[in-house]
Amino acid sequence: LFEKFDKDKIYLTEDRTAYRLFNTRLVSSSVGEFAYAISLIFNA
């Protein structure tokens, strides 16, 4: 996925890790609720 798409258009999160000290962690069971959380977080 990193080979196929432009690095400038890729944004990453963490789940079950916390290497970044600011809040990058979003733990989900599947990608569906992950996408849902993004919408809520960005105040849609």
ModelCIF file with pLDDT and N, C-alpha, C, O atoms, coordinates in Angstrom:
data_MODEL
#
_entry.id   MODEL 
#
_entity.id                         1 
_entity.type                       polymer 
_entity.pdbx_number_of_molecules   1 
#
_entity_poly.entity_id                      1 
_entity_poly.type                           'polypeptide(L)' 
_entity_poly.nstd_linkage                   no 
_entity_poly.nstd_monomer                   no 
_entity_poly.pdbx_seq_one_letter_code       LFEKFDKDKIYLTEDRTAYRLFNTRLVSSSVGEFAYAISLIFNA 
_entity_poly.pdbx_seq_one_letter_code_can   LFEKFDKDKIYLTEDRTAYRLFNTRLVSSSVGEFAYAISLIFNA 
_entity_poly.pdbx_strand_id                 A 
#
loop_
_entity_poly_seq.entity_id 
_entity_poly_seq.num 
_entity_poly_seq.mon_id 
_entity_poly_seq.hetero 
1 1  LEU n 
1 2  PHE n 
1 3  GLU n 
1 4  LYS n 
1 5  PHE n 
1 6  ASP n 
1 7  LYS n 
1 8  ASP n 
1 9  LYS n 
1 10 ILE n 
1 11 TYR n 
1 12 LEU n 
1 13 THR n 
1 14 GLU n 
1 15 ASP n 
1 16 ARG n 
1 17 THR n 
1 18 ALA n 
1 19 TYR n 
1 20 ARG n 
1 21 LEU n 
1 22 PHE n 
1 23 ASN n 
1 24 THR n 
1 25 ARG n 
1 26 LEU n 
1 27 VAL n 
1 28 SER n 
1 29 SER n 
1 30 SER n 
1 31 VAL n 
1 32 GLY n 
1 33 GLU n 
1 34 PHE n 
1 35 ALA n 
1 36 TYR n 
1 37 ALA n 
1 38 ILE n 
1 39 SER n 
1 40 LEU n 
1 41 ILE n 
1 42 PHE n 
1 43 ASN n 
1 44 ALA n 
#
_struct_asym.id          A 
_struct_asym.entity_id   1 
#
loop_
_ma_qa_metric.id 
_ma_qa_metric.mode 
_ma_qa_metric.name 
_ma_qa_metric.software_group_id 
_ma_qa_metric.type 
1 global pLDDT . pLDDT 
2 local  pLDDT . pLDDT 
#
_ma_qa_metric_global.metric_id      1 
_ma_qa_metric_global.metric_value   94.48 
_ma_qa_metric_global.model_id       1 
_ma_qa_metric_global.ordinal_id     1 
#
loop_
_ma_qa_metric_local.label_asym_id 
_ma_qa_metric_local.label_comp_id 
_ma_qa_metric_local.label_seq_id 
_ma_qa_metric_local.metric_id 
_ma_qa_metric_local.metric_value 
_ma_qa_metric_local.model_id 
_ma_qa_metric_local.ordinal_id 
A LEU 1  2 96.00 1 1  
A PHE 2  2 96.00 1 2  
A GLU 3  2 95.00 1 3  
A LYS 4  2 95.00 1 4  
A PHE 5  2 96.00 1 5  
A ASP 6  2 96.00 1 6  
A LYS 7  2 96.00 1 7  
A ASP 8  2 95.00 1 8  
A LYS 9  2 96.00 1 9  
A ILE 10 2 97.00 1 10 
A TYR 11 2 97.00 1 11 
A LEU 12 2 97.00 1 12 
A THR 13 2 96.00 1 13 
A GLU 14 2 95.00 1 14 
A ASP 15 2 91.00 1 15 
A ARG 16 2 90.00 1 16 
A THR 17 2 94.00 1 17 
A ALA 18 2 93.00 1 18 
A TYR 19 2 95.00 1 19 
A ARG 20 2 93.00 1 20 
A LEU 21 2 89.00 1 21 
A PHE 22 2 86.00 1 22 
A ASN 23 2 88.00 1 23 
A THR 24 2 89.00 1 24 
A ARG 25 2 92.00 1 25 
A LEU 26 2 93.00 1 26 
A VAL 27 2 91.00 1 27 
A SER 28 2 92.00 1 28 
A SER 29 2 89.00 1 29 
A SER 30 2 93.00 1 30 
A VAL 31 2 95.00 1 31 
A GLY 32 2 96.00 1 32 
A GLU 33 2 96.00 1 33 
A PHE 34 2 97.00 1 34 
A ALA 35 2 97.00 1 35 
A TYR 36 2 98.00 1 36 
A ALA 37 2 97.00 1 37 
A ILE 38 2 97.00 1 38 
A SER 39 2 98.00 1 39 
A LEU 40 2 97.00 1 40 
A ILE 41 2 97.00 1 41 
A PHE 42 2 97.00 1 42 
A ASN 43 2 97.00 1 43 
A ALA 44 2 97.00 1 44 
#
loop_
_atom_site.group_PDB 
_atom_site.id 
_atom_site.type_symbol 
_atom_site.label_atom_id 
_atom_site.label_alt_id 
_atom_site.label_comp_id 
_atom_site.label_asym_id 
_atom_site.label_entity_id 
_atom_site.label_seq_id 
_atom_site.pdbx_PDB_ins_code 
_atom_site.Cartn_x 
_atom_site.Cartn_y 
_atom_site.Cartn_z 
_atom_site.occupancy 
_atom_site.B_iso_or_equiv 
_atom_site.pdbx_formal_charge 
_atom_site.auth_seq_id 
_atom_site.auth_comp_id 
_atom_site.auth_asym_id 
_atom_site.auth_atom_id 
_atom_site.pdbx_PDB_model_num 
ATOM 1   N N  . LEU A 1 1  ? 0.828   -1.209 0.000  1.00 96.00 ? 1  LEU A N  1 
ATOM 2   C CA . LEU A 1 1  ? 0.000   0.000  0.000  1.00 96.00 ? 1  LEU A CA 1 
ATOM 3   C C  . LEU A 1 1  ? 0.862   1.260  0.000  1.00 96.00 ? 1  LEU A C  1 
ATOM 4   O O  . LEU A 1 1  ? 0.478   2.288  -0.558 1.00 96.00 ? 1  LEU A O  1 
ATOM 5   N N  . PHE A 1 2  ? 2.017   1.169  0.624  1.00 96.00 ? 2  PHE A N  1 
ATOM 6   C CA . PHE A 1 2  ? 2.931   2.316  0.642  1.00 96.00 ? 2  PHE A CA 1 
ATOM 7   C C  . PHE A 1 2  ? 3.687   2.423  -0.681 1.00 96.00 ? 2  PHE A C  1 
ATOM 8   O O  . PHE A 1 2  ? 4.163   3.495  -1.056 1.00 96.00 ? 2  PHE A O  1 
ATOM 9   N N  . GLU A 1 3  ? 3.787   1.304  -1.370 1.00 95.00 ? 3  GLU A N  1 
ATOM 10  C CA . GLU A 1 3  ? 4.449   1.311  -2.677 1.00 95.00 ? 3  GLU A CA 1 
ATOM 11  C C  . GLU A 1 3  ? 3.521   1.827  -3.777 1.00 95.00 ? 3  GLU A C  1 
ATOM 12  O O  . GLU A 1 3  ? 3.980   2.431  -4.746 1.00 95.00 ? 3  GLU A O  1 
ATOM 13  N N  . LYS A 1 4  ? 2.229   1.592  -3.628 1.00 95.00 ? 4  LYS A N  1 
ATOM 14  C CA . LYS A 1 4  ? 1.273   1.914  -4.688 1.00 95.00 ? 4  LYS A CA 1 
ATOM 15  C C  . LYS A 1 4  ? 0.742   3.345  -4.616 1.00 95.00 ? 4  LYS A C  1 
ATOM 16  O O  . LYS A 1 4  ? 0.304   3.892  -5.629 1.00 95.00 ? 4  LYS A O  1 
ATOM 17  N N  . PHE A 1 5  ? 0.777   3.953  -3.435 1.00 96.00 ? 5  PHE A N  1 
ATOM 18  C CA . PHE A 1 5  ? 0.138   5.261  -3.284 1.00 96.00 ? 5  PHE A CA 1 
ATOM 19  C C  . PHE A 1 5  ? 1.145   6.310  -2.818 1.00 96.00 ? 5  PHE A C  1 
ATOM 20  O O  . PHE A 1 5  ? 2.129   6.004  -2.144 1.00 96.00 ? 5  PHE A O  1 
ATOM 21  N N  . ASP A 1 6  ? 0.869   7.536  -3.194 1.00 96.00 ? 6  ASP A N  1 
ATOM 22  C CA . ASP A 1 6  ? 1.754   8.669  -2.921 1.00 96.00 ? 6  ASP A CA 1 
ATOM 23  C C  . ASP A 1 6  ? 1.881   8.896  -1.412 1.00 96.00 ? 6  ASP A C  1 
ATOM 24  O O  . ASP A 1 6  ? 0.883   8.999  -0.698 1.00 96.00 ? 6  ASP A O  1 
ATOM 25  N N  . LYS A 1 7  ? 3.112   8.971  -0.953 1.00 96.00 ? 7  LYS A N  1 
ATOM 26  C CA . LYS A 1 7  ? 3.382   9.163  0.475  1.00 96.00 ? 7  LYS A CA 1 
ATOM 27  C C  . LYS A 1 7  ? 2.714   10.416 1.017  1.00 96.00 ? 7  LYS A C  1 
ATOM 28  O O  . LYS A 1 7  ? 2.267   10.431 2.163  1.00 96.00 ? 7  LYS A O  1 
ATOM 29  N N  . ASP A 1 8  ? 2.640   11.472 0.205  1.00 95.00 ? 8  ASP A N  1 
ATOM 30  C CA . ASP A 1 8  ? 2.065   12.745 0.665  1.00 95.00 ? 8  ASP A CA 1 
ATOM 31  C C  . ASP A 1 8  ? 0.565   12.642 0.926  1.00 95.00 ? 8  ASP A C  1 
ATOM 32  O O  . ASP A 1 8  ? -0.004  13.492 1.610  1.00 95.00 ? 8  ASP A O  1 
ATOM 33  N N  . LYS A 1 9  ? -0.079  11.605 0.385  1.00 96.00 ? 9  LYS A N  1 
ATOM 34  C CA . LYS A 1 9  ? -1.525  11.448 0.571  1.00 96.00 ? 9  LYS A CA 1 
ATOM 35  C C  . LYS A 1 9  ? -1.873  10.383 1.618  1.00 96.00 ? 9  LYS A C  1 
ATOM 36  O O  . LYS A 1 9  ? -3.043  10.056 1.816  1.00 96.00 ? 9  LYS A O  1 
ATOM 37  N N  . ILE A 1 10 ? -0.857  9.855  2.275  1.00 97.00 ? 10 ILE A N  1 
ATOM 38  C CA . ILE A 1 10 ? -1.074  8.791  3.267  1.00 97.00 ? 10 ILE A CA 1 
ATOM 39  C C  . ILE A 1 10 ? -0.958  9.363  4.676  1.00 97.00 ? 10 ILE A C  1 
ATOM 40  O O  . ILE A 1 10 ? -0.015  10.085 5.000  1.00 97.00 ? 10 ILE A O  1 
ATOM 41  N N  . TYR A 1 11 ? -1.943  9.021  5.504  1.00 97.00 ? 11 TYR A N  1 
ATOM 42  C CA . TYR A 1 11 ? -1.944  9.409  6.917  1.00 97.00 ? 11 TYR A CA 1 
ATOM 43  C C  . TYR A 1 11 ? -2.103  8.137  7.759  1.00 97.00 ? 11 TYR A C  1 
ATOM 44  O O  . TYR A 1 11 ? -2.905  7.260  7.440  1.00 97.00 ? 11 TYR A O  1 
ATOM 45  N N  . LEU A 1 12 ? -1.331  8.063  8.822  1.00 97.00 ? 12 LEU A N  1 
ATOM 46  C CA . LEU A 1 12 ? -1.278  6.830  9.606  1.00 97.00 ? 12 LEU A CA 1 
ATOM 47  C C  . LEU A 1 12 ? -1.835  7.017  11.009 1.00 97.00 ? 12 LEU A C  1 
ATOM 48  O O  . LEU A 1 12 ? -1.826  8.116  11.565 1.00 97.00 ? 12 LEU A O  1 
ATOM 49  N N  . THR A 1 13 ? -2.311  5.929  11.555 1.00 96.00 ? 13 THR A N  1 
ATOM 50  C CA . THR A 1 13 ? -2.739  5.876  12.956 1.00 96.00 ? 13 THR A CA 1 
ATOM 51  C C  . THR A 1 13 ? -2.077  4.656  13.593 1.00 96.00 ? 13 THR A C  1 
ATOM 52  O O  . THR A 1 13 ? -1.492  3.819  12.905 1.00 96.00 ? 13 THR A O  1 
ATOM 53  N N  . GLU A 1 14 ? -2.177  4.572  14.886 1.00 95.00 ? 14 GLU A N  1 
ATOM 54  C CA . GLU A 1 14 ? -1.715  3.389  15.614 1.00 95.00 ? 14 GLU A CA 1 
ATOM 55  C C  . GLU A 1 14 ? -2.912  2.665  16.215 1.00 95.00 ? 14 GLU A C  1 
ATOM 56  O O  . GLU A 1 14 ? -3.946  3.274  16.490 1.00 95.00 ? 14 GLU A O  1 
ATOM 57  N N  . ASP A 1 15 ? -2.763  1.364  16.414 1.00 91.00 ? 15 ASP A N  1 
ATOM 58  C CA . ASP A 1 15 ? -3.725  0.634  17.237 1.00 91.00 ? 15 ASP A CA 1 
ATOM 59  C C  . ASP A 1 15 ? -2.954  -0.431 18.004 1.00 91.00 ? 15 ASP A C  1 
ATOM 60  O O  . ASP A 1 15 ? -2.151  -1.170 17.434 1.00 91.00 ? 15 ASP A O  1 
ATOM 61  N N  . ARG A 1 16 ? -3.211  -0.494 19.294 1.00 90.00 ? 16 ARG A N  1 
ATOM 62  C CA . ARG A 1 16 ? -2.535  -1.409 20.217 1.00 90.00 ? 16 ARG A CA 1 
ATOM 63  C C  . ARG A 1 16 ? -1.053  -1.082 20.390 1.00 90.00 ? 16 ARG A C  1 
ATOM 64  O O  . ARG A 1 16 ? -0.307  -1.880 20.957 1.00 90.00 ? 16 ARG A O  1 
ATOM 65  N N  . THR A 1 17 ? -0.628  0.067  19.913 1.00 94.00 ? 17 THR A N  1 
ATOM 66  C CA . THR A 1 17 ? 0.716   0.568  20.205 1.00 94.00 ? 17 THR A CA 1 
ATOM 67  C C  . THR A 1 17 ? 0.597   2.047  20.544 1.00 94.00 ? 17 THR A C  1 
ATOM 68  O O  . THR A 1 17 ? -0.433  2.672  20.292 1.00 94.00 ? 17 THR A O  1 
ATOM 69  N N  . ALA A 1 18 ? 1.665   2.599  21.121 1.00 93.00 ? 18 ALA A N  1 
ATOM 70  C CA . ALA A 1 18 ? 1.659   4.029  21.469 1.00 93.00 ? 18 ALA A CA 1 
ATOM 71  C C  . ALA A 1 18 ? 3.078   4.581  21.350 1.00 93.00 ? 18 ALA A C  1 
ATOM 72  O O  . ALA A 1 18 ? 3.620   5.138  22.304 1.00 93.00 ? 18 ALA A O  1 
ATOM 73  N N  . TYR A 1 19 ? 3.664   4.422  20.180 1.00 95.00 ? 19 TYR A N  1 
ATOM 74  C CA . TYR A 1 19 ? 5.014   4.941  19.957 1.00 95.00 ? 19 TYR A CA 1 
ATOM 75  C C  . TYR A 1 19 ? 5.012   6.468  19.841 1.00 95.00 ? 19 TYR A C  1 
ATOM 76  O O  . TYR A 1 19 ? 5.960   7.127  20.268 1.00 95.00 ? 19 TYR A O  1 
ATOM 77  N N  . ARG A 1 20 ? 3.943   7.027  19.262 1.00 93.00 ? 20 ARG A N  1 
ATOM 78  C CA . ARG A 1 20 ? 3.822   8.473  19.216 1.00 93.00 ? 20 ARG A CA 1 
ATOM 79  C C  . ARG A 1 20 ? 3.142   8.932  20.498 1.00 93.00 ? 20 ARG A C  1 
ATOM 80  O O  . ARG A 1 20 ? 2.141   8.348  20.911 1.00 93.00 ? 20 ARG A O  1 
ATOM 81  N N  . LEU A 1 21 ? 3.669   9.959  21.124 1.00 89.00 ? 21 LEU A N  1 
ATOM 82  C CA . LEU A 1 21 ? 3.156   10.390 22.424 1.00 89.00 ? 21 LEU A CA 1 
ATOM 83  C C  . LEU A 1 21 ? 1.917   11.259 22.303 1.00 89.00 ? 21 LEU A C  1 
ATOM 84  O O  . LEU A 1 21 ? 1.161   11.379 23.267 1.00 89.00 ? 21 LEU A O  1 
ATOM 85  N N  . PHE A 1 22 ? 1.685   11.874 21.137 1.00 86.00 ? 22 PHE A N  1 
ATOM 86  C CA . PHE A 1 22 ? 0.396   12.525 20.949 1.00 86.00 ? 22 PHE A CA 1 
ATOM 87  C C  . PHE A 1 22 ? -0.609  11.435 20.557 1.00 86.00 ? 22 PHE A C  1 
ATOM 88  O O  . PHE A 1 22 ? -0.222  10.302 20.272 1.00 86.00 ? 22 PHE A O  1 
ATOM 89  N N  . ASN A 1 23 ? -1.864  11.775 20.545 1.00 88.00 ? 23 ASN A N  1 
ATOM 90  C CA . ASN A 1 23 ? -2.914  10.773 20.419 1.00 88.00 ? 23 ASN A CA 1 
ATOM 91  C C  . ASN A 1 23 ? -3.083  10.292 18.981 1.00 88.00 ? 23 ASN A C  1 
ATOM 92  O O  . ASN A 1 23 ? -3.760  10.938 18.181 1.00 88.00 ? 23 ASN A O  1 
ATOM 93  N N  . THR A 1 24 ? -2.465  9.153  18.655 1.00 89.00 ? 24 THR A N  1 
ATOM 94  C CA . THR A 1 24 ? -2.597  8.585  17.308 1.00 89.00 ? 24 THR A CA 1 
ATOM 95  C C  . THR A 1 24 ? -3.275  7.218  17.341 1.00 89.00 ? 24 THR A C  1 
ATOM 96  O O  . THR A 1 24 ? -3.339  6.535  16.319 1.00 89.00 ? 24 THR A O  1 
ATOM 97  N N  . ARG A 1 25 ? -3.772  6.822  18.486 1.00 92.00 ? 25 ARG A N  1 
ATOM 98  C CA . ARG A 1 25 ? -4.229  5.435  18.693 1.00 92.00 ? 25 ARG A CA 1 
ATOM 99  C C  . ARG A 1 25 ? -5.735  5.315  18.497 1.00 92.00 ? 25 ARG A C  1 
ATOM 100 O O  . ARG A 1 25 ? -6.516  6.071  19.074 1.00 92.00 ? 25 ARG A O  1 
ATOM 101 N N  . LEU A 1 26 ? -6.124  4.342  17.668 1.00 93.00 ? 26 LEU A N  1 
ATOM 102 C CA . LEU A 1 26 ? -7.533  4.071  17.417 1.00 93.00 ? 26 LEU A CA 1 
ATOM 103 C C  . LEU A 1 26 ? -7.678  2.556  17.255 1.00 93.00 ? 26 LEU A C  1 
ATOM 104 O O  . LEU A 1 26 ? -7.311  2.001  16.219 1.00 93.00 ? 26 LEU A O  1 
ATOM 105 N N  . VAL A 1 27 ? -8.210  1.896  18.272 1.00 91.00 ? 27 VAL A N  1 
ATOM 106 C CA . VAL A 1 27 ? -8.309  0.437  18.277 1.00 91.00 ? 27 VAL A CA 1 
ATOM 107 C C  . VAL A 1 27 ? -9.703  0.024  17.819 1.00 91.00 ? 27 VAL A C  1 
ATOM 108 O O  . VAL A 1 27 ? -10.701 0.443  18.405 1.00 91.00 ? 27 VAL A O  1 
ATOM 109 N N  . SER A 1 28 ? -9.773  -0.792 16.779 1.00 92.00 ? 28 SER A N  1 
ATOM 110 C CA . SER A 1 28 ? -11.061 -1.233 16.257 1.00 92.00 ? 28 SER A CA 1 
ATOM 111 C C  . SER A 1 28 ? -10.986 -2.701 15.874 1.00 92.00 ? 28 SER A C  1 
ATOM 112 O O  . SER A 1 28 ? -9.905  -3.258 15.683 1.00 92.00 ? 28 SER A O  1 
ATOM 113 N N  . SER A 1 29 ? -12.160 -3.316 15.767 1.00 89.00 ? 29 SER A N  1 
ATOM 114 C CA . SER A 1 29 ? -12.212 -4.728 15.365 1.00 89.00 ? 29 SER A CA 1 
ATOM 115 C C  . SER A 1 29 ? -12.140 -4.880 13.851 1.00 89.00 ? 29 SER A C  1 
ATOM 116 O O  . SER A 1 29 ? -11.626 -5.878 13.346 1.00 89.00 ? 29 SER A O  1 
ATOM 117 N N  . SER A 1 30 ? -12.657 -3.889 13.129 1.00 93.00 ? 30 SER A N  1 
ATOM 118 C CA . SER A 1 30 ? -12.618 -3.951 11.663 1.00 93.00 ? 30 SER A CA 1 
ATOM 119 C C  . SER A 1 30 ? -12.485 -2.541 11.107 1.00 93.00 ? 30 SER A C  1 
ATOM 120 O O  . SER A 1 30 ? -12.602 -1.559 11.840 1.00 93.00 ? 30 SER A O  1 
ATOM 121 N N  . VAL A 1 31 ? -12.240 -2.455 9.809  1.00 95.00 ? 31 VAL A N  1 
ATOM 122 C CA . VAL A 1 31 ? -12.008 -1.161 9.178  1.00 95.00 ? 31 VAL A CA 1 
ATOM 123 C C  . VAL A 1 31 ? -13.286 -0.322 9.109  1.00 95.00 ? 31 VAL A C  1 
ATOM 124 O O  . VAL A 1 31 ? -13.215 0.900  8.982  1.00 95.00 ? 31 VAL A O  1 
ATOM 125 N N  . GLY A 1 32 ? -14.453 -0.969 9.194  1.00 96.00 ? 32 GLY A N  1 
ATOM 126 C CA . GLY A 1 32 ? -15.710 -0.226 9.128  1.00 96.00 ? 32 GLY A CA 1 
ATOM 127 C C  . GLY A 1 32 ? -15.868 0.753  10.270 1.00 96.00 ? 32 GLY A C  1 
ATOM 128 O O  . GLY A 1 32 ? -16.141 1.933  10.051 1.00 96.00 ? 32 GLY A O  1 
ATOM 129 N N  . GLU A 1 33 ? -15.698 0.267  11.487 1.00 96.00 ? 33 GLU A N  1 
ATOM 130 C CA . GLU A 1 33 ? -15.846 1.177  12.625 1.00 96.00 ? 33 GLU A CA 1 
ATOM 131 C C  . GLU A 1 33 ? -14.654 2.118  12.758 1.00 96.00 ? 33 GLU A C  1 
ATOM 132 O O  . GLU A 1 33 ? -14.771 3.191  13.350 1.00 96.00 ? 33 GLU A O  1 
ATOM 133 N N  . PHE A 1 34 ? -13.508 1.719  12.209 1.00 97.00 ? 34 PHE A N  1 
ATOM 134 C CA . PHE A 1 34 ? -12.353 2.621  12.135 1.00 97.00 ? 34 PHE A CA 1 
ATOM 135 C C  . PHE A 1 34 ? -12.714 3.860  11.314 1.00 97.00 ? 34 PHE A C  1 
ATOM 136 O O  . PHE A 1 34 ? -12.466 4.988  11.740 1.00 97.00 ? 34 PHE A O  1 
ATOM 137 N N  . ALA A 1 35 ? -13.302 3.642  10.129 1.00 97.00 ? 35 ALA A N  1 
ATOM 138 C CA . ALA A 1 35 ? -13.714 4.759  9.269  1.00 97.00 ? 35 ALA A CA 1 
ATOM 139 C C  . ALA A 1 35 ? -14.783 5.602  9.953  1.00 97.00 ? 35 ALA A C  1 
ATOM 140 O O  . ALA A 1 35 ? -14.776 6.829  9.852  1.00 97.00 ? 35 ALA A O  1 
ATOM 141 N N  . TYR A 1 36 ? -15.692 4.941  10.644 1.00 98.00 ? 36 TYR A N  1 
ATOM 142 C CA . TYR A 1 36 ? -16.755 5.638  11.375 1.00 98.00 ? 36 TYR A CA 1 
ATOM 143 C C  . TYR A 1 36 ? -16.165 6.556  12.442 1.00 98.00 ? 36 TYR A C  1 
ATOM 144 O O  . TYR A 1 36 ? -16.611 7.692  12.602 1.00 98.00 ? 36 TYR A O  1 
ATOM 145 N N  . ALA A 1 37 ? -15.173 6.071  13.164 1.00 97.00 ? 37 ALA A N  1 
ATOM 146 C CA . ALA A 1 37 ? -14.546 6.884  14.212 1.00 97.00 ? 37 ALA A CA 1 
ATOM 147 C C  . ALA A 1 37 ? -13.870 8.115  13.629 1.00 97.00 ? 37 ALA A C  1 
ATOM 148 O O  . ALA A 1 37 ? -13.910 9.186  14.235 1.00 97.00 ? 37 ALA A O  1 
ATOM 149 N N  . ILE A 1 38 ? -13.247 7.979  12.458 1.00 97.00 ? 38 ILE A N  1 
ATOM 150 C CA . ILE A 1 38 ? -12.602 9.122  11.810 1.00 97.00 ? 38 ILE A CA 1 
ATOM 151 C C  . ILE A 1 38 ? -13.629 10.218 11.544 1.00 97.00 ? 38 ILE A C  1 
ATOM 152 O O  . ILE A 1 38 ? -13.354 11.395 11.782 1.00 97.00 ? 38 ILE A O  1 
ATOM 153 N N  . SER A 1 39 ? -14.801 9.844  11.058 1.00 98.00 ? 39 SER A N  1 
ATOM 154 C CA . SER A 1 39 ? -15.854 10.823 10.777 1.00 98.00 ? 39 SER A CA 1 
ATOM 155 C C  . SER A 1 39 ? -16.286 11.536 12.051 1.00 98.00 ? 39 SER A C  1 
ATOM 156 O O  . SER A 1 39 ? -16.466 12.754 12.051 1.00 98.00 ? 39 SER A O  1 
ATOM 157 N N  . LEU A 1 40 ? -16.451 10.791 13.129 1.00 97.00 ? 40 LEU A N  1 
ATOM 158 C CA . LEU A 1 40 ? -16.862 11.400 14.399 1.00 97.00 ? 40 LEU A CA 1 
ATOM 159 C C  . LEU A 1 40 ? -15.778 12.323 14.949 1.00 97.00 ? 40 LEU A C  1 
ATOM 160 O O  . LEU A 1 40 ? -16.062 13.430 15.406 1.00 97.00 ? 40 LEU A O  1 
ATOM 161 N N  . ILE A 1 41 ? -14.537 11.851 14.898 1.00 97.00 ? 41 ILE A N  1 
ATOM 162 C CA . ILE A 1 41 ? -13.423 12.631 15.452 1.00 97.00 ? 41 ILE A CA 1 
ATOM 163 C C  . ILE A 1 41 ? -13.284 13.975 14.738 1.00 97.00 ? 41 ILE A C  1 
ATOM 164 O O  . ILE A 1 41 ? -13.007 14.991 15.375 1.00 97.00 ? 41 ILE A O  1 
ATOM 165 N N  . PHE A 1 42 ? -13.477 13.983 13.416 1.00 97.00 ? 42 PHE A N  1 
ATOM 166 C CA . PHE A 1 42 ? -13.330 15.223 12.656 1.00 97.00 ? 42 PHE A CA 1 
ATOM 167 C C  . PHE A 1 42 ? -14.636 16.016 12.587 1.00 97.00 ? 42 PHE A C  1 
ATOM 168 O O  . PHE A 1 42 ? -14.807 16.903 11.751 1.00 97.00 ? 42 PHE A O  1 
ATOM 169 N N  . ASN A 1 43 ? -15.548 15.665 13.495 1.00 97.00 ? 43 ASN A N  1 
ATOM 170 C CA . ASN A 1 43 ? -16.710 16.509 13.814 1.00 97.00 ? 43 ASN A CA 1 
ATOM 171 C C  . ASN A 1 43 ? -17.698 16.658 12.663 1.00 97.00 ? 43 ASN A C  1 
ATOM 172 O O  . ASN A 1 43 ? -18.303 17.717 12.495 1.00 97.00 ? 43 ASN A O  1 
ATOM 173 N N  . ALA A 1 44 ? -17.865 15.599 11.870 1.00 97.00 ? 44 ALA A N  1 
ATOM 174 C CA . ALA A 1 44 ? -18.864 15.650 10.796 1.00 97.00 ? 44 ALA A CA 1 
ATOM 175 C C  . ALA A 1 44 ? -20.248 15.841 11.394 1.00 97.00 ? 44 ALA A C  1 
ATOM 176 O O  . ALA A 1 44 ? -21.234 15.911 10.660 1.00 97.00 ? 44 ALA A O  1 
#
